[in-house]
Amino acid sequence: MVVALPAVYDEFDLPRTDLAARALRYAEEAEPAVVFRHSVRSYLFARALADRRGMKAGTDFDDELVFLGCVLHDLGLSEQGNGHQRFEVDGADLAAGFLRGRGVQEQAVAVVWDAIALHTSEGIASRKSPEVALAHEGITVDVLGLGKESLPEGFAERVHAAFPRADLAYAISDIIVRQALADPAKAGPLGFPGQLLRHHLPPGALPGWYDLIARSGWGDRPTPAHPAAPGT
């Protein structure tokens, strides 16, 4: 059954399944508008990159799973999804629960979980399934602009006109930092959230890699070719 979507989506080729429509509505109701629009743009960019490479939906990848991975990927930045893990994993867990509640098979749930949990994991997501890799690429294009030169001419302008950015990259960073300041367990020192949090704390408040190995208690010493970092 083809499901009707609001008019703003008419010029874009979104999956029109009941599950896709429910996921879209779920994300829109749960997330701040700036985050939700980012999630939609991420899918549109992911599909455009797939099309550019000649990848065919239904043959080379499951389009609905790419859509679900993109549209639900930032649920961890919603109030509902704000748990005690890094936001990517909180979001993946919430999305998995949403999908299981609608009878989605575990194999498909696992793909979406990976797409969400790994969406900030450069060099890892790209080695997973095509759906995970495409979601990662679409999300990366929208946040950092990496790969935008591969988009069709004028496509990004059309997407941004329909789904305005509203300073997305800074807005989303602020939400991640706000969550981490309230619950430092969400921002381990070696992960992406920890990198953001470090910029908002006094120098040395959040340990870096060399701080951690210096505190390991094993007595490891820097080699002559690799002196200790300043302050360790």
Protein backbone atom coordinates (compact mmCIF):
# COMPACT_ATOMS: atom_id res chain seq x y z
CA MET A 1 0.00 0.00 0.00
CA VAL A 2 1.32 3.43 -0.99
CA VAL A 3 1.02 5.93 1.85
CA ALA A 4 0.42 9.64 1.24
CA LEU A 5 2.88 12.06 2.84
CA PRO A 6 2.67 15.82 3.46
CA ALA A 7 3.11 18.01 0.39
CA VAL A 8 6.65 19.07 1.33
CA TYR A 9 7.82 15.58 0.32
CA ASP A 10 6.07 15.53 -3.06
CA GLU A 11 9.12 16.46 -5.15
CA PHE A 12 11.32 13.85 -3.46
CA ASP A 13 11.30 10.09 -3.85
CA LEU A 14 10.75 8.81 -0.32
CA PRO A 15 9.61 5.28 0.50
CA ARG A 16 5.81 5.31 0.77
CA THR A 17 5.34 2.23 2.95
CA ASP A 18 3.30 2.30 6.12
CA LEU A 19 6.42 1.61 8.21
CA ALA A 20 8.34 4.44 6.58
CA ALA A 21 5.48 6.87 7.16
CA ARG A 22 5.20 5.82 10.81
CA ALA A 23 8.95 6.23 11.31
CA LEU A 24 8.88 9.67 9.72
CA ARG A 25 6.05 10.78 11.99
CA TYR A 26 7.71 9.23 15.04
CA ALA A 27 10.97 11.11 14.43
CA GLU A 28 9.19 14.38 13.71
CA GLU A 29 7.21 14.18 16.94
CA ALA A 30 10.21 13.15 19.07
CA GLU A 31 13.01 15.40 17.79
CA PRO A 32 13.66 19.13 17.68
CA ALA A 33 12.75 20.43 14.22
CA VAL A 34 16.36 21.21 13.30
CA VAL A 35 17.36 17.60 14.03
CA PHE A 36 14.37 16.11 12.22
CA ARG A 37 15.04 18.09 9.04
CA HIS A 38 18.66 16.94 9.16
CA SER A 39 17.48 13.34 9.35
CA VAL A 40 15.33 13.76 6.23
CA ARG A 41 18.10 15.54 4.31
CA SER A 42 20.50 12.75 5.24
CA TYR A 43 18.28 10.21 3.50
CA LEU A 44 17.86 12.36 0.43
CA PHE A 45 21.61 12.81 0.14
CA ALA A 46 22.23 9.10 0.73
CA ARG A 47 19.83 8.18 -2.08
CA ALA A 48 21.34 10.77 -4.42
CA LEU A 49 24.81 9.33 -3.83
CA ALA A 50 23.52 5.82 -4.47
CA ASP A 51 21.86 6.93 -7.70
CA ARG A 52 25.03 8.69 -8.81
CA ARG A 53 26.93 5.40 -8.47
CA GLY A 54 24.32 3.43 -10.35
CA MET A 55 23.19 1.55 -7.25
CA LYS A 56 19.64 0.23 -7.60
CA ALA A 57 17.16 0.08 -4.75
CA GLY A 58 15.87 -3.45 -4.30
CA THR A 59 18.95 -4.90 -5.98
CA ASP A 60 22.00 -3.26 -4.42
CA PHE A 61 20.38 -2.08 -1.21
CA ASP A 62 17.11 -2.01 0.72
CA ASP A 63 15.79 1.53 0.33
CA GLU A 64 13.40 1.30 3.26
CA LEU A 65 16.25 0.32 5.60
CA VAL A 66 18.38 3.24 4.41
CA PHE A 67 15.42 5.51 5.05
CA LEU A 68 14.83 4.10 8.53
CA GLY A 69 18.52 4.34 9.41
CA CYS A 70 18.65 7.98 8.35
CA VAL A 71 15.30 9.21 9.64
CA LEU A 72 15.73 7.57 13.04
CA HIS A 73 19.48 8.09 13.43
CA ASP A 74 19.33 10.99 15.89
CA LEU A 75 16.61 9.76 18.22
CA GLY A 76 19.26 9.79 20.93
CA LEU A 77 19.16 13.60 20.80
CA SER A 78 15.47 13.66 21.68
CA GLU A 79 14.16 13.90 25.23
CA GLN A 80 12.67 10.43 24.89
CA GLY A 81 15.96 8.98 23.67
CA ASN A 82 18.24 10.72 26.15
CA GLY A 83 19.47 7.80 28.27
CA HIS A 84 22.81 7.07 29.93
CA GLN A 85 24.79 5.84 26.92
CA ARG A 86 26.44 7.80 24.15
CA PHE A 87 23.67 9.32 22.07
CA GLU A 88 24.28 7.10 19.04
CA VAL A 89 23.62 3.94 21.08
CA ASP A 90 20.67 5.44 22.96
CA GLY A 91 19.14 6.32 19.62
CA ALA A 92 19.84 2.90 18.13
CA ASP A 93 18.20 1.17 21.08
CA LEU A 94 15.12 3.39 20.90
CA ALA A 95 14.79 2.86 17.15
CA ALA A 96 15.13 -0.89 17.57
CA GLY A 97 12.34 -0.88 20.12
CA PHE A 98 10.16 1.16 17.79
CA LEU A 99 10.74 -1.28 14.92
CA ARG A 100 10.22 -4.40 17.02
CA GLY A 101 6.94 -2.94 18.25
CA ARG A 102 5.78 -2.88 14.65
CA GLY A 103 6.75 -6.45 13.87
CA VAL A 104 9.95 -5.77 11.92
CA GLN A 105 12.17 -8.84 11.60
CA GLU A 106 15.31 -8.97 13.72
CA GLN A 107 17.65 -9.06 10.72
CA ALA A 108 16.27 -5.73 9.51
CA VAL A 109 16.29 -4.29 13.04
CA ALA A 110 19.98 -5.20 13.32
CA VAL A 111 20.81 -3.31 10.12
CA VAL A 112 19.03 -0.18 11.32
CA TRP A 113 20.67 -0.49 14.75
CA ASP A 114 24.09 -0.61 13.11
CA ALA A 115 23.29 2.35 10.87
CA ILE A 116 22.35 4.48 13.87
CA ALA A 117 24.95 3.29 16.38
CA LEU A 118 27.78 3.65 13.84
CA HIS A 119 26.72 6.85 12.09
CA THR A 120 29.63 8.83 13.60
CA SER A 121 32.12 5.95 13.18
CA GLU A 122 34.30 6.88 10.23
CA GLY A 123 36.02 3.89 8.65
CA ILE A 124 33.68 1.39 10.31
CA ALA A 125 30.22 2.16 8.95
CA SER A 126 31.57 2.06 5.40
CA ARG A 127 32.62 -1.58 5.90
CA LYS A 128 29.19 -2.74 7.01
CA SER A 129 26.14 -3.44 4.84
CA PRO A 130 25.27 -1.08 1.94
CA GLU A 131 22.39 0.35 3.96
CA VAL A 132 24.68 1.24 6.87
CA ALA A 133 27.33 2.69 4.57
CA LEU A 134 24.83 4.79 2.62
CA ALA A 135 23.21 6.15 5.78
CA HIS A 136 26.64 7.12 7.11
CA GLU A 137 27.51 8.90 3.87
CA GLY A 138 24.25 10.81 3.69
CA ILE A 139 24.55 11.93 7.30
CA THR A 140 28.19 12.96 6.80
CA VAL A 141 27.35 14.99 3.71
CA ASP A 142 24.69 16.90 5.58
CA VAL A 143 26.77 17.67 8.67
CA LEU A 144 30.28 18.16 7.27
CA GLY A 145 29.73 18.59 3.55
CA LEU A 146 32.12 15.72 2.80
CA GLY A 147 31.16 14.27 -0.58
CA LYS A 148 28.72 17.03 -1.51
CA GLU A 149 30.57 17.52 -4.80
CA SER A 150 29.13 14.15 -5.87
CA LEU A 151 25.53 15.34 -5.52
CA PRO A 152 23.64 16.26 -8.70
CA GLU A 153 23.91 19.92 -9.62
CA GLY A 154 21.30 22.00 -7.80
CA PHE A 155 20.06 19.07 -5.70
CA ALA A 156 21.39 20.33 -2.37
CA GLU A 157 19.76 23.71 -2.99
CA ARG A 158 16.40 22.04 -3.58
CA VAL A 159 16.75 19.94 -0.46
CA HIS A 160 17.73 22.90 1.70
CA ALA A 161 14.86 24.98 0.36
CA ALA A 162 12.41 22.28 1.45
CA PHE A 163 14.19 21.41 4.71
CA PRO A 164 16.17 24.47 5.95
CA ARG A 165 19.41 23.88 7.84
CA ALA A 166 19.01 26.44 10.66
CA ASP A 167 22.75 26.16 11.46
CA LEU A 168 22.40 22.41 11.86
CA ALA A 169 26.03 21.51 12.57
CA TYR A 170 26.27 23.92 15.51
CA ALA A 171 22.75 23.23 16.74
CA ILE A 172 23.30 19.49 16.88
CA SER A 173 26.69 19.94 18.56
CA ASP A 174 25.04 22.06 21.24
CA ILE A 175 22.49 19.33 21.98
CA ILE A 176 25.19 16.67 22.29
CA VAL A 177 27.22 18.88 24.65
CA ARG A 178 24.16 19.79 26.72
CA GLN A 179 23.35 16.10 27.23
CA ALA A 180 26.96 15.31 28.14
CA LEU A 181 27.27 18.15 30.63
CA ALA A 182 24.18 16.83 32.39
CA ASP A 183 25.44 13.22 32.29
CA PRO A 184 29.20 12.79 31.67
CA ALA A 185 28.68 9.03 31.24
CA LYS A 186 27.31 9.89 27.79
CA ALA A 187 30.66 11.29 26.64
CA GLY A 188 33.58 8.94 27.15
CA PRO A 189 36.90 10.67 26.52
CA LEU A 190 37.73 8.71 23.36
CA GLY A 191 34.40 8.99 21.55
CA PHE A 192 32.86 11.67 19.37
CA PRO A 193 30.66 13.13 22.15
CA GLY A 194 33.76 13.32 24.37
CA GLN A 195 35.59 15.28 21.70
CA LEU A 196 32.82 17.86 21.68
CA LEU A 197 32.55 18.00 25.46
CA ARG A 198 36.30 18.58 25.85
CA HIS A 199 35.94 21.99 24.17
CA HIS A 200 33.47 23.09 26.84
CA LEU A 201 35.43 22.07 29.93
CA PRO A 202 38.55 23.54 31.58
CA PRO A 203 41.81 22.19 30.09
CA GLY A 204 42.59 18.75 31.47
CA ALA A 205 39.12 18.18 32.92
CA LEU A 206 38.42 15.39 30.42
CA PRO A 207 41.42 13.10 29.94
CA GLY A 208 42.89 12.39 26.54
CA TRP A 209 44.50 9.19 25.29
CA TYR A 210 47.93 9.87 26.79
CA ASP A 211 46.33 10.83 30.10
CA LEU A 212 44.51 7.51 30.17
CA ILE A 213 47.55 5.36 29.47
CA ALA A 214 49.60 7.33 32.01
CA ARG A 215 46.93 6.48 34.62
CA SER A 216 46.65 2.80 33.68
CA GLY A 217 48.86 1.65 36.55
CA TRP A 218 50.88 -0.67 34.31
CA GLY A 219 53.97 1.52 34.39
CA ASP A 220 54.23 1.92 30.61
CA ARG A 221 56.75 4.59 29.61
CA PRO A 222 57.00 6.59 26.38
CA THR A 223 59.45 5.22 23.83
CA PRO A 224 62.29 7.51 22.68
CA ALA A 225 60.64 7.89 19.27
CA HIS A 226 57.32 8.84 20.85
CA PRO A 227 57.82 11.16 23.83
CA ALA A 228 54.96 11.72 26.18
CA ALA A 229 52.46 14.39 25.24
CA PRO A 230 52.77 17.68 27.16
CA GLY A 231 51.22 17.49 30.60
CA THR A 232 51.34 13.69 30.91
